Amino acid sequence: MSIDVELALVLGLFMIGAVVLAIDNLVYALSKRFSRWMRNRKSVPRTPSTFTSTQKKQF
C-alpha cells in the first residue's frame, strides 16, 4: 500500500472514532439530563398539594 492509502485509512479511522466519541458524549449528557428531570418530577408532586389545600378549605 502506498503512503496515501495508509494515511487515508488512518484519517478515516480517526474521523470514525471522533464521531463515535461525540455521539457517546451526547447520549451520556441527554441521559443524565433525563434522569435528573425524572427525579425532579417525582420529588415535586404538584397535584396532591392542591388537593390537600382544597380539603382544608372544605373543613
PDB file of N, CA and C in Angstrom:
ATOM      1  N   MET A   1       0.851  -1.195   0.000  1.00  0.00           N
ATOM      2  CA  MET A   1       0.000   0.000   0.000  1.00  0.00           C
ATOM      3  C   MET A   1       0.887   1.245   0.000  1.00  0.00           C
ATOM      4  N   SER A   2       0.423   2.235  -0.683  1.00  0.00           N
ATOM      5  CA  SER A   2       1.188   3.478  -0.711  1.00  0.00           C
ATOM      6  C   SER A   2       0.890   4.300   0.540  1.00  0.00           C
ATOM      7  N   ILE A   3       1.675   5.317   0.731  1.00  0.00           N
ATOM      8  CA  ILE A   3       1.521   6.157   1.921  1.00  0.00           C
ATOM      9  C   ILE A   3       0.181   6.894   1.887  1.00  0.00           C
ATOM     10  N   ASP A   4      -0.270   7.276   0.706  1.00  0.00           N
ATOM     11  CA  ASP A   4      -1.546   7.993   0.594  1.00  0.00           C
ATOM     12  C   ASP A   4      -2.715   7.138   1.083  1.00  0.00           C
ATOM     13  N   VAL A   5      -2.707   5.855   0.710  1.00  0.00           N
ATOM     14  CA  VAL A   5      -3.797   4.970   1.125  1.00  0.00           C
ATOM     15  C   VAL A   5      -3.748   4.744   2.631  1.00  0.00           C
ATOM     16  N   GLU A   6      -2.542   4.540   3.167  1.00  0.00           N
ATOM     17  CA  GLU A   6      -2.416   4.337   4.614  1.00  0.00           C
ATOM     18  C   GLU A   6      -2.854   5.585   5.379  1.00  0.00           C
ATOM     19  N   LEU A   7      -2.462   6.749   4.867  1.00  0.00           N
ATOM     20  CA  LEU A   7      -2.854   7.997   5.521  1.00  0.00           C
ATOM     21  C   LEU A   7      -4.366   8.186   5.465  1.00  0.00           C
ATOM     22  N   ALA A   8      -4.961   7.848   4.346  1.00  0.00           N
ATOM     23  CA  ALA A   8      -6.413   7.958   4.225  1.00  0.00           C
ATOM     24  C   ALA A   8      -7.111   6.998   5.183  1.00  0.00           C
ATOM     25  N   LEU A   9      -6.587   5.783   5.333  1.00  0.00           N
ATOM     26  CA  LEU A   9      -7.191   4.826   6.268  1.00  0.00           C
ATOM     27  C   LEU A   9      -7.064   5.309   7.710  1.00  0.00           C
ATOM     28  N   VAL A  10      -5.891   5.821   8.070  1.00  0.00           N
ATOM     29  CA  VAL A  10      -5.690   6.301   9.441  1.00  0.00           C
ATOM     30  C   VAL A  10      -6.602   7.494   9.721  1.00  0.00           C
ATOM     31  N   LEU A  11      -6.678   8.421   8.779  1.00  0.00           N
ATOM     32  CA  LEU A  11      -7.553   9.578   8.977  1.00  0.00           C
ATOM     33  C   LEU A  11      -9.024   9.169   9.015  1.00  0.00           C
ATOM     34  N   GLY A  12      -9.391   8.196   8.203  1.00  0.00           N
ATOM     35  CA  GLY A  12     -10.763   7.702   8.219  1.00  0.00           C
ATOM     36  C   GLY A  12     -11.114   7.065   9.550  1.00  0.00           C
ATOM     37  N   LEU A  13     -10.202   6.247  10.067  1.00  0.00           N
ATOM     38  CA  LEU A  13     -10.442   5.633  11.379  1.00  0.00           C
ATOM     39  C   LEU A  13     -10.506   6.696  12.479  1.00  0.00           C
ATOM     40  N   PHE A  14      -9.645   7.703  12.370  1.00  0.00           N
ATOM     41  CA  PHE A  14      -9.664   8.782  13.353  1.00  0.00           C
ATOM     42  C   PHE A  14     -10.994   9.531  13.313  1.00  0.00           C
ATOM     43  N   MET A  15     -11.488   9.801  12.113  1.00  0.00           N
ATOM     44  CA  MET A  15     -12.770  10.504  11.987  1.00  0.00           C
ATOM     45  C   MET A  15     -13.919   9.656  12.535  1.00  0.00           C
ATOM     46  N   ILE A  16     -13.900   8.351  12.252  1.00  0.00           N
ATOM     47  CA  ILE A  16     -14.946   7.465  12.781  1.00  0.00           C
ATOM     48  C   ILE A  16     -14.902   7.453  14.305  1.00  0.00           C
ATOM     49  N   GLY A  17     -13.701   7.398  14.868  1.00  0.00           N
ATOM     50  CA  GLY A  17     -13.555   7.426  16.323  1.00  0.00           C
ATOM     51  C   GLY A  17     -14.068   8.721  16.924  1.00  0.00           C
ATOM     52  N   ALA A  18     -13.789   9.835  16.252  1.00  0.00           N
ATOM     53  CA  ALA A  18     -14.251  11.129  16.759  1.00  0.00           C
ATOM     54  C   ALA A  18     -15.773  11.215  16.725  1.00  0.00           C
ATOM     55  N   VAL A  19     -16.383  10.704  15.667  1.00  0.00           N
ATOM     56  CA  VAL A  19     -17.849  10.738  15.558  1.00  0.00           C
ATOM     57  C   VAL A  19     -18.483   9.850  16.627  1.00  0.00           C
ATOM     58  N   VAL A  20     -17.915   8.661  16.832  1.00  0.00           N
ATOM     59  CA  VAL A  20     -18.450   7.751  17.858  1.00  0.00           C
ATOM     60  C   VAL A  20     -18.319   8.378  19.240  1.00  0.00           C
ATOM     61  N   LEU A  21     -17.193   9.026  19.509  1.00  0.00           N
ATOM     62  CA  LEU A  21     -16.994   9.671  20.803  1.00  0.00           C
ATOM     63  C   LEU A  21     -17.980  10.822  21.006  1.00  0.00           C
ATOM     64  N   ALA A  22     -18.236  11.591  19.965  1.00  0.00           N
ATOM     65  CA  ALA A  22     -19.190  12.697  20.073  1.00  0.00           C
ATOM     66  C   ALA A  22     -20.601  12.180  20.331  1.00  0.00           C
ATOM     67  N   ILE A  23     -20.992  11.113  19.645  1.00  0.00           N
ATOM     68  CA  ILE A  23     -22.323  10.536  19.854  1.00  0.00           C
ATOM     69  C   ILE A  23     -22.441   9.973  21.268  1.00  0.00           C
ATOM     70  N   ASP A  24     -21.376   9.338  21.751  1.00  0.00           N
ATOM     71  CA  ASP A  24     -21.379   8.784  23.103  1.00  0.00           C
ATOM     72  C   ASP A  24     -21.531   9.899  24.139  1.00  0.00           C
ATOM     73  N   ASN A  25     -20.821  10.993  23.936  1.00  0.00           N
ATOM     74  CA  ASN A  25     -20.933  12.136  24.845  1.00  0.00           C
ATOM     75  C   ASN A  25     -22.341  12.709  24.848  1.00  0.00           C
ATOM     76  N   LEU A  26     -22.939  12.812  23.673  1.00  0.00           N
ATOM     77  CA  LEU A  26     -24.289  13.359  23.551  1.00  0.00           C
ATOM     78  C   LEU A  26     -25.309  12.476  24.260  1.00  0.00           C
ATOM     79  N   VAL A  27     -25.193  11.164  24.066  1.00  0.00           N
ATOM     80  CA  VAL A  27     -26.122  10.234  24.713  1.00  0.00           C
ATOM     81  C   VAL A  27     -25.955  10.292  26.224  1.00  0.00           C
ATOM     82  N   TYR A  28     -24.711  10.384  26.700  1.00  0.00           N
ATOM     83  CA  TYR A  28     -24.461  10.463  28.141  1.00  0.00           C
ATOM     84  C   TYR A  28     -25.076  11.735  28.735  1.00  0.00           C
ATOM     85  N   ALA A  29     -24.887  12.860  28.055  1.00  0.00           N
ATOM     86  CA  ALA A  29     -25.429  14.122  28.570  1.00  0.00           C
ATOM     87  C   ALA A  29     -26.952  14.107  28.574  1.00  0.00           C
ATOM     88  N   LEU A  30     -27.553  13.573  27.511  1.00  0.00           N
ATOM     89  CA  LEU A  30     -29.015  13.534  27.448  1.00  0.00           C
ATOM     90  C   LEU A  30     -29.592  12.596  28.501  1.00  0.00           C
ATOM     91  N   SER A  31     -28.947  11.449  28.734  1.00  0.00           N
ATOM     92  CA  SER A  31     -29.464  10.520  29.738  1.00  0.00           C
ATOM     93  C   SER A  31     -29.323  11.107  31.138  1.00  0.00           C
ATOM     94  N   LYS A  32     -28.246  11.843  31.369  1.00  0.00           N
ATOM     95  CA  LYS A  32     -28.065  12.475  32.672  1.00  0.00           C
ATOM     96  C   LYS A  32     -29.143  13.533  32.902  1.00  0.00           C
ATOM     97  N   ARG A  33     -29.409  14.340  31.880  1.00  0.00           N
ATOM     98  CA  ARG A  33     -30.449  15.365  31.991  1.00  0.00           C
ATOM     99  C   ARG A  33     -31.823  14.735  32.167  1.00  0.00           C
ATOM    100  N   PHE A  34     -32.079  13.641  31.447  1.00  0.00           N
ATOM    101  CA  PHE A  34     -33.376  12.971  31.545  1.00  0.00           C
ATOM    102  C   PHE A  34     -33.582  12.377  32.931  1.00  0.00           C
ATOM    103  N   SER A  35     -32.536  11.758  33.500  1.00  0.00           N
ATOM    104  CA  SER A  35     -32.687  11.164  34.827  1.00  0.00           C
ATOM    105  C   SER A  35     -32.885  12.247  35.882  1.00  0.00           C
ATOM    106  N   ARG A  36     -32.213  13.384  35.718  1.00  0.00           N
ATOM    107  CA  ARG A  36     -32.403  14.479  36.668  1.00  0.00           C
ATOM    108  C   ARG A  36     -33.816  15.047  36.556  1.00  0.00           C
ATOM    109  N   TRP A  37     -34.332  15.131  35.327  1.00  0.00           N
ATOM    110  CA  TRP A  37     -35.695  15.623  35.117  1.00  0.00           C
ATOM    111  C   TRP A  37     -36.712  14.670  35.738  1.00  0.00           C
ATOM    112  N   MET A  38     -36.486  13.354  35.587  1.00  0.00           N
ATOM    113  CA  MET A  38     -37.397  12.372  36.179  1.00  0.00           C
ATOM    114  C   MET A  38     -37.349  12.445  37.697  1.00  0.00           C
ATOM    115  N   ARG A  39     -36.159  12.618  38.266  1.00  0.00           N
ATOM    116  CA  ARG A  39     -36.033  12.698  39.716  1.00  0.00           C
ATOM    117  C   ARG A  39     -36.729  13.953  40.242  1.00  0.00           C
ATOM    118  N   ASN A  40     -36.579  15.067  39.552  1.00  0.00           N
ATOM    119  CA  ASN A  40     -37.250  16.300  39.969  1.00  0.00           C
ATOM    120  C   ASN A  40     -38.757  16.172  39.836  1.00  0.00           C
ATOM    121  N   ARG A  41     -39.201  15.471  38.823  1.00  0.00           N
ATOM    122  CA  ARG A  41     -40.635  15.304  38.625  1.00  0.00           C
ATOM    123  C   ARG A  41     -41.246  14.445  39.725  1.00  0.00           C
ATOM    124  N   LYS A  42     -40.521  13.426  40.173  1.00  0.00           N
ATOM    125  CA  LYS A  42     -41.047  12.562  41.231  1.00  0.00           C
ATOM    126  C   LYS A  42     -41.006  13.258  42.585  1.00  0.00           C
ATOM    127  N   SER A  43     -39.998  14.099  42.820  1.00  0.00           N
ATOM    128  CA  SER A  43     -39.843  14.700  44.141  1.00  0.00           C
ATOM    129  C   SER A  43     -40.755  15.904  44.346  1.00  0.00           C
ATOM    130  N   VAL A  44     -41.327  16.463  43.282  1.00  0.00           N
ATOM    131  CA  VAL A  44     -42.200  17.632  43.415  1.00  0.00           C
ATOM    132  C   VAL A  44     -43.600  17.251  42.954  1.00  0.00           C
ATOM    133  N   PRO A  45     -44.399  16.661  43.844  1.00  0.00           N
ATOM    134  CA  PRO A  45     -45.779  16.331  43.441  1.00  0.00           C
ATOM    135  C   PRO A  45     -46.635  17.585  43.458  1.00  0.00           C
ATOM    136  N   ARG A  46     -47.204  17.928  42.333  1.00  0.00           N
ATOM    137  CA  ARG A  46     -47.976  19.173  42.251  1.00  0.00           C
ATOM    138  C   ARG A  46     -49.453  18.949  42.563  1.00  0.00           C
ATOM    139  N   THR A  47     -50.020  17.846  42.111  1.00  0.00           N
ATOM    140  CA  THR A  47     -51.458  17.642  42.294  1.00  0.00           C
ATOM    141  C   THR A  47     -51.843  17.356  43.744  1.00  0.00           C
ATOM    142  N   PRO A  48     -51.095  16.576  44.532  1.00  0.00           N
ATOM    143  CA  PRO A  48     -51.539  16.347  45.920  1.00  0.00           C
ATOM    144  C   PRO A  48     -51.549  17.619  46.756  1.00  0.00           C
ATOM    145  N   SER A  49     -50.639  18.561  46.498  1.00  0.00           N
ATOM    146  CA  SER A  49     -50.626  19.786  47.301  1.00  0.00           C
ATOM    147  C   SER A  49     -51.898  20.600  47.064  1.00  0.00           C
ATOM    148  N   THR A  50     -52.362  20.674  45.840  1.00  0.00           N
ATOM    149  CA  THR A  50     -53.605  21.398  45.584  1.00  0.00           C
ATOM    150  C   THR A  50     -54.793  20.628  46.152  1.00  0.00           C
ATOM    151  N   PHE A  51     -54.725  19.316  46.137  1.00  0.00           N
ATOM    152  CA  PHE A  51     -55.816  18.509  46.670  1.00  0.00           C
ATOM    153  C   PHE A  51     -55.942  18.702  48.180  1.00  0.00           C
ATOM    154  N   THR A  52     -54.831  18.708  48.908  1.00  0.00           N
ATOM    155  CA  THR A  52     -54.887  18.894  50.356  1.00  0.00           C
ATOM    156  C   THR A  52     -55.335  20.308  50.701  1.00  0.00           C
ATOM    157  N   SER A  53     -54.942  21.295  49.897  1.00  0.00           N
ATOM    158  CA  SER A  53     -55.376  22.659  50.207  1.00  0.00           C
ATOM    159  C   SER A  53     -56.886  22.810  50.012  1.00  0.00           C
ATOM    160  N   THR A  54     -57.458  22.137  49.026  1.00  0.00           N
ATOM    161  CA  THR A  54     -58.912  22.211  48.852  1.00  0.00           C
ATOM    162  C   THR A  54     -59.620  21.436  49.958  1.00  0.00           C
ATOM    163  N   GLN A  55     -59.024  20.359  50.445  1.00  0.00           N
ATOM    164  CA  GLN A  55     -59.631  19.621  51.554  1.00  0.00           C
ATOM    165  C   GLN A  55     -59.674  20.482  52.815  1.00  0.00           C
ATOM    166  N   LYS A  56     -58.597  21.211  53.076  1.00  0.00           N
ATOM    167  CA  LYS A  56     -58.563  22.064  54.262  1.00  0.00           C
ATOM    168  C   LYS A  56     -59.625  23.159  54.178  1.00  0.00           C
ATOM    169  N   LYS A  57     -59.868  23.667  52.995  1.00  0.00           N
ATOM    170  CA  LYS A  57     -60.879  24.711  52.841  1.00  0.00           C
ATOM    171  C   LYS A  57     -62.280  24.156  53.101  1.00  0.00           C
ATOM    172  N   GLN A  58     -62.521  22.901  52.757  1.00  0.00           N
ATOM    173  CA  GLN A  58     -63.838  22.318  52.963  1.00  0.00           C
ATOM    174  C   GLN A  58     -64.111  22.104  54.443  1.00  0.00           C
ATOM    175  N   PHE A  59     -63.111  21.745  55.206  1.00  0.00           N
ATOM    176  CA  PHE A  59     -63.315  21.527  56.636  1.00  0.00           C
ATOM    177  C   PHE A  59     -63.307  22.861  57.334  1.00  0.00           C
TER     178      PHE A  59
END
